[in-house]
């Protein structure tokens, strides 16, 4: 996420290009798929513990998605480095549907649901604006075919 955001900021600083005129695509896949789930999903399915992410203040497993929005006390220069700020500024977030199956599995297991019912419930926990793709590989390839450059970030 950091690289997708800083690229646009660098273009603005160096070339004066407004961020709204730059298209940045972020593909969330594999083990990172929890990043695209909302706070309610994080709390219900204990994703802080699953992902081993602790709240910086309480030192307990976080119950909110730390990538969704920045805490109120975040320094201004870093406050926009969040998924919701990225989406609001025109960024595109594509999610791997294969990886999303992990979230569906959590829902199915907890609520004893069939896969289709669990998927419907899991989709309610997806951050609005995130677009699921068949796979992360498909998302990257289609973005490249549309003119995007690929940068490995993990």
Protein backbone atom coordinates (compact mmCIF):
# COMPACT_ATOMS: atom_id res chain seq x y z
CA UNK A 1 0.00 0.00 0.00
CA UNK A 2 2.81 2.38 0.93
CA UNK A 3 4.43 2.06 -2.50
CA UNK A 4 1.16 2.55 -4.37
CA UNK A 5 0.54 5.78 -2.46
CA UNK A 6 4.07 7.22 -2.37
CA UNK A 7 4.46 6.74 -6.14
CA UNK A 8 1.61 9.20 -6.71
CA UNK A 9 2.94 11.62 -4.11
CA UNK A 10 6.37 11.55 -5.74
CA UNK A 11 4.87 12.30 -9.15
CA UNK A 12 2.97 15.22 -7.65
CA UNK A 13 6.10 16.58 -5.97
CA UNK A 14 8.48 16.12 -8.90
CA UNK A 15 6.21 16.77 -11.89
CA UNK A 16 3.30 18.68 -10.38
CA UNK A 17 0.84 16.04 -11.56
CA UNK A 18 -2.35 16.11 -9.47
CA UNK A 19 -2.88 12.82 -7.64
CA UNK A 20 -6.37 12.58 -9.16
CA UNK A 21 -4.74 12.27 -12.61
CA UNK A 22 -2.60 9.30 -11.61
CA UNK A 23 -3.98 5.77 -11.55
CA UNK A 24 -2.49 3.49 -8.98
CA UNK A 25 -3.67 -0.10 -8.67
CA UNK A 26 -3.06 -2.13 -5.55
CA UNK A 27 -3.49 -5.91 -5.76
CA UNK A 28 -4.12 -7.58 -2.41
CA UNK A 29 -3.59 -11.31 -2.49
CA UNK A 30 -2.58 -14.41 -0.59
CA UNK A 31 -1.77 -13.83 3.09
CA UNK A 32 -2.61 -10.10 2.89
CA UNK A 33 -6.30 -10.60 2.08
CA UNK A 34 -7.38 -9.68 5.63
CA UNK A 35 -6.31 -6.11 4.77
CA UNK A 36 -9.48 -5.63 2.70
CA UNK A 37 -11.91 -6.64 5.45
CA UNK A 38 -13.80 -4.09 7.55
CA UNK A 39 -13.48 -3.50 11.29
CA UNK A 40 -16.55 -5.56 12.17
CA UNK A 41 -15.06 -8.56 10.37
CA UNK A 42 -11.71 -8.04 12.10
CA UNK A 43 -13.44 -7.98 15.49
CA UNK A 44 -15.76 -10.94 14.92
CA UNK A 45 -13.14 -13.25 13.44
CA UNK A 46 -10.24 -12.09 15.64
CA UNK A 47 -8.08 -11.20 12.65
CA UNK A 48 -5.64 -9.28 14.85
CA UNK A 49 -4.74 -12.53 16.57
CA UNK A 50 -4.83 -14.52 13.31
CA UNK A 51 -2.53 -12.01 11.58
CA UNK A 52 -0.46 -11.39 14.74
CA UNK A 53 -1.06 -7.62 14.73
CA UNK A 54 -1.23 -5.82 18.05
CA UNK A 55 -2.78 -2.47 18.89
CA UNK A 56 0.13 -0.06 19.39
CA UNK A 57 -1.46 1.50 22.50
CA UNK A 58 -2.98 -1.47 24.33
CA UNK A 59 -0.44 -4.07 23.18
CA UNK A 60 -3.38 -6.49 22.76
CA UNK A 61 -4.46 -8.09 19.49
CA UNK A 62 -6.07 -5.39 17.40
CA UNK A 63 -9.82 -5.61 16.92
CA UNK A 64 -9.89 -3.19 14.00
CA UNK A 65 -8.32 -3.25 10.57
CA UNK A 66 -5.15 -1.15 11.01
CA UNK A 67 -4.90 -0.58 7.25
CA UNK A 68 -8.42 0.83 6.78
CA UNK A 69 -8.08 4.24 8.45
CA UNK A 70 -5.36 5.97 10.44
CA UNK A 71 -5.68 6.58 14.18
CA UNK A 72 -6.62 10.16 15.09
CA UNK A 73 -3.12 10.88 16.45
CA UNK A 74 -1.32 9.85 13.24
CA UNK A 75 1.08 12.57 12.03
CA UNK A 76 -0.51 14.45 9.08
CA UNK A 77 2.13 13.33 6.57
CA UNK A 78 1.19 9.68 7.22
CA UNK A 79 -2.58 9.97 7.77
CA UNK A 80 -3.37 9.34 4.10
CA UNK A 81 -1.53 6.01 3.98
CA UNK A 82 -4.68 3.96 4.45
CA UNK A 83 -6.92 1.87 2.24
CA UNK A 84 -9.91 4.20 2.55
CA UNK A 85 -7.82 7.31 1.77
CA UNK A 86 -6.29 5.48 -1.19
CA UNK A 87 -9.72 4.56 -2.56
CA UNK A 88 -11.13 8.05 -1.92
CA UNK A 89 -8.27 9.63 -3.87
CA UNK A 90 -8.91 7.45 -6.92
CA UNK A 91 -6.76 4.45 -6.13
CA UNK A 92 -7.97 1.06 -7.29
CA UNK A 93 -7.83 -1.98 -5.01
CA UNK A 94 -8.16 -5.43 -6.52
CA UNK A 95 -8.49 -8.44 -4.24
CA UNK A 96 -7.64 -12.05 -4.96
CA UNK A 97 -10.83 -14.10 -4.86
CA UNK A 98 -8.83 -17.28 -4.24
CA UNK A 99 -7.33 -15.73 -1.11
CA UNK A 100 -10.76 -14.35 -0.16
CA UNK A 101 -11.72 -17.99 0.20
CA UNK A 102 -9.80 -17.91 3.50
CA UNK A 103 -12.28 -15.33 4.81
CA UNK A 104 -15.19 -17.38 3.49
CA UNK A 105 -13.78 -20.42 5.27
CA UNK A 106 -13.64 -18.55 8.58
CA UNK A 107 -17.28 -17.53 8.22
CA UNK A 108 -18.37 -21.04 7.21
CA UNK A 109 -16.57 -22.61 10.15
CA UNK A 110 -17.79 -20.16 12.79
CA UNK A 111 -21.43 -20.09 11.68
CA UNK A 112 -21.67 -23.65 10.28
CA UNK A 113 -22.73 -22.31 6.87
CA UNK A 114 -22.53 -23.73 3.37
CA UNK A 115 -19.91 -22.10 1.15
CA UNK A 116 -22.37 -19.97 -0.84
CA UNK A 117 -24.01 -18.65 2.34
CA UNK A 118 -20.63 -18.04 3.95
CA UNK A 119 -19.43 -16.18 0.85
CA UNK A 120 -22.47 -13.88 0.94
CA UNK A 121 -21.78 -13.12 4.61
CA UNK A 122 -18.04 -12.64 4.02
CA UNK A 123 -18.74 -10.19 1.19
CA UNK A 124 -20.57 -8.00 3.72
CA UNK A 125 -17.22 -7.63 5.49
CA UNK A 126 -15.33 -6.46 2.41
CA UNK A 127 -14.29 -2.80 2.46
CA UNK A 128 -16.54 -0.96 -0.03
CA UNK A 129 -14.72 -0.24 -3.27
CA UNK A 130 -12.50 -3.31 -3.24
CA UNK A 131 -12.98 -5.29 -6.46
CA UNK A 132 -12.48 -9.04 -6.23
CA UNK A 133 -10.71 -10.68 -9.17
CA UNK A 134 -10.50 -14.42 -9.94
CA UNK A 135 -6.93 -14.46 -8.61
CA UNK A 136 -4.15 -12.06 -7.72
CA UNK A 137 -2.17 -13.24 -10.74
CA UNK A 138 -5.14 -12.47 -13.01
CA UNK A 139 -5.50 -9.02 -11.41
CA UNK A 140 -1.83 -8.17 -11.96
CA UNK A 141 -1.83 -9.43 -15.55
CA UNK A 142 -4.99 -7.51 -16.47
CA UNK A 143 -3.63 -4.35 -14.86
CA UNK A 144 -0.45 -4.72 -16.92
CA UNK A 145 -2.45 -5.30 -20.09
CA UNK A 146 -4.30 -2.06 -19.31
CA UNK A 147 -0.98 -0.18 -19.18
CA UNK A 148 0.04 -0.44 -15.53
CA UNK A 149 3.62 -1.13 -14.50
CA UNK A 150 4.24 -3.93 -12.05
CA UNK A 151 6.24 -3.47 -8.88
CA UNK A 152 6.85 -6.29 -6.44
CA UNK A 153 6.05 -5.07 -2.96
CA UNK A 154 6.39 -8.24 -0.92
